C-alpha atoms as a PDB file:
ATOM      1  CA  MET A   1     -10.747 -12.109   6.096  1.00  0.00           C
ATOM      2  CA  ASP A   2      -7.683 -11.203   7.972  1.00  0.00           C
ATOM      3  CA  MET A   3      -8.182  -7.039   6.717  1.00  0.00           C
ATOM      4  CA  LYS A   4      -5.601  -4.766   7.992  1.00  0.00           C
ATOM      5  CA  LEU A   5      -6.090  -0.563   8.028  1.00  0.00           C
ATOM      6  CA  TYR A   6      -2.901   1.390   8.071  1.00  0.00           C
ATOM      7  CA  PRO A   7      -2.950   5.711   7.171  1.00  0.00           C
ATOM      8  CA  ALA A   8      -0.480   6.198   4.102  1.00  0.00           C
ATOM      9  CA  ILE A   9       0.881  10.018   3.725  1.00  0.00           C
ATOM     10  CA  PHE A  10       1.681  10.725   0.117  1.00  0.00           C
ATOM     11  CA  LYS A  11       3.216  13.309  -1.345  1.00  0.00           C
ATOM     12  CA  PRO A  12       3.926  14.667  -4.497  1.00  0.00           C
ATOM     13  CA  SER A  13       6.960  13.936  -6.289  1.00  0.00           C
ATOM     14  CA  PRO A  14       8.780  17.207  -7.859  1.00  0.00           C
ATOM     15  CA  VAL A  15       9.947  14.543 -10.403  1.00  0.00           C
ATOM     16  CA  GLY A  16       5.928  13.785 -11.191  1.00  0.00           C
ATOM     17  CA  GLY A  17       3.718  11.176  -9.665  1.00  0.00           C
ATOM     18  CA  TYR A  18       3.726  10.228  -5.840  1.00  0.00           C
ATOM     19  CA  ALA A  19       6.044   8.880  -2.710  1.00  0.00           C
ATOM     20  CA  VAL A  20       4.303   6.973  -0.179  1.00  0.00           C
ATOM     21  CA  ARG A  21       5.114   6.137   3.072  1.00  0.00           C
ATOM     22  CA  PHE A  22       4.122   4.500   5.698  1.00  0.00           C
ATOM     23  CA  HIS A  23       3.784   6.653  10.022  1.00  0.00           C
ATOM     24  CA  ASP A  24       3.601   3.163  11.573  1.00  0.00           C
ATOM     25  CA  ILE A  25       6.251   1.362   9.683  1.00  0.00           C
ATOM     26  CA  PRO A  26       9.597   2.805   9.472  1.00  0.00           C
ATOM     27  CA  GLY A  27      11.058   1.812   5.574  1.00  0.00           C
ATOM     28  CA  CYS A  28       7.622   1.052   4.092  1.00  0.00           C
ATOM     29  CA  ARG A  29       7.325   3.115   1.034  1.00  0.00           C
ATOM     30  CA  ALA A  30       5.969   3.431  -1.925  1.00  0.00           C
ATOM     31  CA  GLU A  31       5.528   5.586  -5.171  1.00  0.00           C
ATOM     32  CA  GLY A  32       3.449   5.637  -8.462  1.00  0.00           C
ATOM     33  CA  ASP A  33       2.668   8.325 -10.949  1.00  0.00           C
ATOM     34  CA  ASP A  34      -0.463   8.878  -9.521  1.00  0.00           C
ATOM     35  CA  THR A  35      -2.543   8.744  -6.482  1.00  0.00           C
ATOM     36  CA  GLU A  36      -4.439   5.494  -8.198  1.00  0.00           C
ATOM     37  CA  GLU A  37      -0.970   3.385  -8.632  1.00  0.00           C
ATOM     38  CA  ALA A  38       1.039   4.795  -5.616  1.00  0.00           C
ATOM     39  CA  THR A  39      -1.877   3.364  -3.409  1.00  0.00           C
ATOM     40  CA  GLN A  40      -1.870  -0.301  -5.172  1.00  0.00           C
ATOM     41  CA  ASN A  41       2.497   0.026  -4.822  1.00  0.00           C
ATOM     42  CA  ALA A  42       1.688   0.601  -0.732  1.00  0.00           C
ATOM     43  CA  ARG A  43      -0.724  -2.000  -0.549  1.00  0.00           C
ATOM     44  CA  ASP A  44       1.951  -4.598  -2.039  1.00  0.00           C
ATOM     45  CA  VAL A  45       4.515  -2.691   0.071  1.00  0.00           C
ATOM     46  CA  LEU A  46       2.711  -3.352   3.040  1.00  0.00           C
ATOM     47  CA  GLY A  47       0.964  -6.508   2.598  1.00  0.00           C
ATOM     48  CA  GLU A  48       4.582  -7.729   2.187  1.00  0.00           C
ATOM     49  CA  ILE A  49       6.400  -5.968   4.721  1.00  0.00           C
ATOM     50  CA  LEU A  50       3.514  -6.742   7.335  1.00  0.00           C
ATOM     51  CA  THR A  51       3.819 -10.773   6.424  1.00  0.00           C
ATOM     52  CA  ALA A  52       6.907 -10.648   6.688  1.00  0.00           C
ATOM     53  CA  MET A  53       6.668  -9.379  10.325  1.00  0.00           C
ATOM     54  CA  GLU A  54       4.496 -11.772  11.066  1.00  0.00           C
ATOM     55  CA  THR A  55       6.606 -14.948   9.543  1.00  0.00           C
ATOM     56  CA  ALA A  56       9.493 -13.468  12.056  1.00  0.00           C
ATOM     57  CA  GLY A  57       7.423 -13.213  15.153  1.00  0.00           C
ATOM     58  CA  ARG A  58       7.029  -9.331  15.518  1.00  0.00           C
ATOM     59  CA  PRO A  59       3.997  -8.136  16.459  1.00  0.00           C
ATOM     60  CA  LEU A  60       2.208  -6.138  13.960  1.00  0.00           C
ATOM     61  CA  PRO A  61       2.605  -2.431  15.145  1.00  0.00           C
ATOM     62  CA  GLU A  62      -1.189  -0.922  15.958  1.00  0.00           C
ATOM     63  CA  PRO A  63      -2.183   2.011  13.087  1.00  0.00           C
ATOM     64  CA  THR A  64      -1.939   5.819  14.485  1.00  0.00           C
ATOM     65  CA  PRO A  65      -5.127   7.256  14.045  1.00  0.00           C
ATOM     66  CA  ILE A  66      -4.591   9.799  11.777  1.00  0.00           C
ATOM     67  CA  THR A  67      -5.404  12.517  13.787  1.00  0.00           C
ATOM     68  CA  ARG A  68      -2.312  12.526  15.993  1.00  0.00           C
ATOM     69  CA  ILE A  69      -0.400  12.893  12.554  1.00  0.00           C
ATOM     70  CA  ARG A  70       0.984  16.064  11.707  1.00  0.00           C
ATOM     71  CA  PRO A  71       1.657  15.879   7.952  1.00  0.00           C
ATOM     72  CA  ARG A  72       4.044  18.110   6.366  1.00  0.00           C
ATOM     73  CA  LYS A  73       3.660  20.282   3.417  1.00  0.00           C
ATOM     74  CA  ASP A  74       1.776  19.561   0.439  1.00  0.00           C
ATOM     75  CA  GLU A  75       1.218  16.009   2.104  1.00  0.00           C
ATOM     76  CA  PHE A  76      -2.176  14.228   2.440  1.00  0.00           C
ATOM     77  CA  PHE A  77      -3.369  10.657   3.606  1.00  0.00           C
ATOM     78  CA  ILE A  78      -4.938   7.756   1.913  1.00  0.00           C
ATOM     79  CA  MET A  79      -6.090   4.314   4.671  1.00  0.00           C
ATOM     80  CA  VAL A  80      -4.878   1.732   2.860  1.00  0.00           C
ATOM     81  CA  THR A  81      -6.629  -1.130   3.650  1.00  0.00           C
ATOM     82  CA  VAL A  82      -4.560  -5.168   3.105  1.00  0.00           C
ATOM     83  CA  ASP A  83      -6.587  -8.333   2.550  1.00  0.00           C
ATOM     84  CA  MET A  84      -3.674 -10.190   5.202  1.00  0.00           C
ATOM     85  CA  ASP A  85      -5.270 -13.557   3.882  1.00  0.00           C
ATOM     86  CA  GLU A  86      -4.563 -12.761   0.852  1.00  0.00           C
ATOM     87  CA  TYR A  87      -1.015 -12.125   1.076  1.00  0.00           C
ATOM     88  CA  ARG A  88       0.084 -15.155   3.630  1.00  0.00           C
ATOM     89  CA  GLN A  89      -1.325 -17.841   0.829  1.00  0.00           C
ATOM     90  CA  LYS A  90       1.673 -16.941  -1.551  1.00  0.00           C
ATOM     91  CA  PRO A  91       4.169 -14.605   0.020  1.00  0.00           C
ATOM     92  CA  GLY A  92       6.276 -12.235  -2.624  1.00  0.00           C
ATOM     93  CA  GLU A  93       3.811 -13.243  -5.394  1.00  0.00           C
ATOM     94  CA  PRO A  94       1.809 -10.845  -7.311  1.00  0.00           C
ATOM     95  CA  SER A  95      -2.274 -11.086  -7.577  1.00  0.00           C
ATOM     96  CA  PHE A  96      -4.140  -9.949  -9.934  1.00  0.00           C
ATOM     97  CA  ARG A  97      -6.496  -9.025  -7.405  1.00  0.00           C
ATOM     98  CA  ARG A  98      -4.276  -7.052  -5.514  1.00  0.00           C
ATOM     99  CA  HIS A  99      -4.061  -4.656  -8.617  1.00  0.00           C
ATOM    100  CA  MET A 100      -7.402  -3.819  -9.496  1.00  0.00           C
ATOM    101  CA  PRO A 101      -8.088   0.060  -9.344  1.00  0.00           C
ATOM    102  CA  ILE A 102      -9.049   1.515  -6.105  1.00  0.00           C
ATOM    103  CA  TRP A 103     -11.001   4.211  -7.705  1.00  0.00           C
ATOM    104  CA  PRO A 104     -12.122   2.699 -10.964  1.00  0.00           C
ATOM    105  CA  LYS A 105     -11.974   5.551 -13.911  1.00  0.00           C
ATOM    106  CA  THR A 106     -12.199   3.262 -16.518  1.00  0.00           C
ATOM    107  CA  GLY A 107     -13.815  -0.028 -14.824  1.00  0.00           C
ATOM    108  CA  LYS A 108     -10.715  -1.888 -16.298  1.00  0.00           C
ATOM    109  CA  ALA A 109      -8.482  -3.579 -14.156  1.00  0.00           C
ATOM    110  CA  TYR A 110      -3.987  -3.842 -15.079  1.00  0.00           C
ATOM    111  CA  ARG A 111      -5.326  -7.344 -16.701  1.00  0.00           C
ATOM    112  CA  ASN A 112      -1.474  -7.511 -18.274  1.00  0.00           C
ATOM    113  CA  PHE A 113       0.198  -6.339 -15.533  1.00  0.00           C
ATOM    114  CA  TYR A 114       1.847  -9.462 -14.826  1.00  0.00           C
ATOM    115  CA  LYS A 115       1.653 -10.649 -18.381  1.00  0.00           C
ATOM    116  CA  LYS A 116       4.576 -13.217 -18.995  1.00  0.00           C
ATOM    117  CA  GLN A 117       6.870 -12.024 -21.765  1.00  0.00           C
END
């Protein structure tokens, strides 16, 4: 497993949910209705962007320690882990494993997230 760990900066959205940005990767943003969904979406966008950077031959940025990042008002951090092997296998394709809850509230995974319609 090739795991990457980056600090994600969360901020509550005025219309509900959370906006997420990555200090080390400009333009890498996500959002979600709650912290769990926002974290899953952040993991997906991070995995896709890091895979695209590798494919283009660009070096991956070193994660900044959270002690060196100054959060703005109402912001907080969650460390987002990405298994790069997963994203390298099928770039751009959703995976069941990617969408399993991080903090299982009910113990249920997003089994129908990409159900064919």
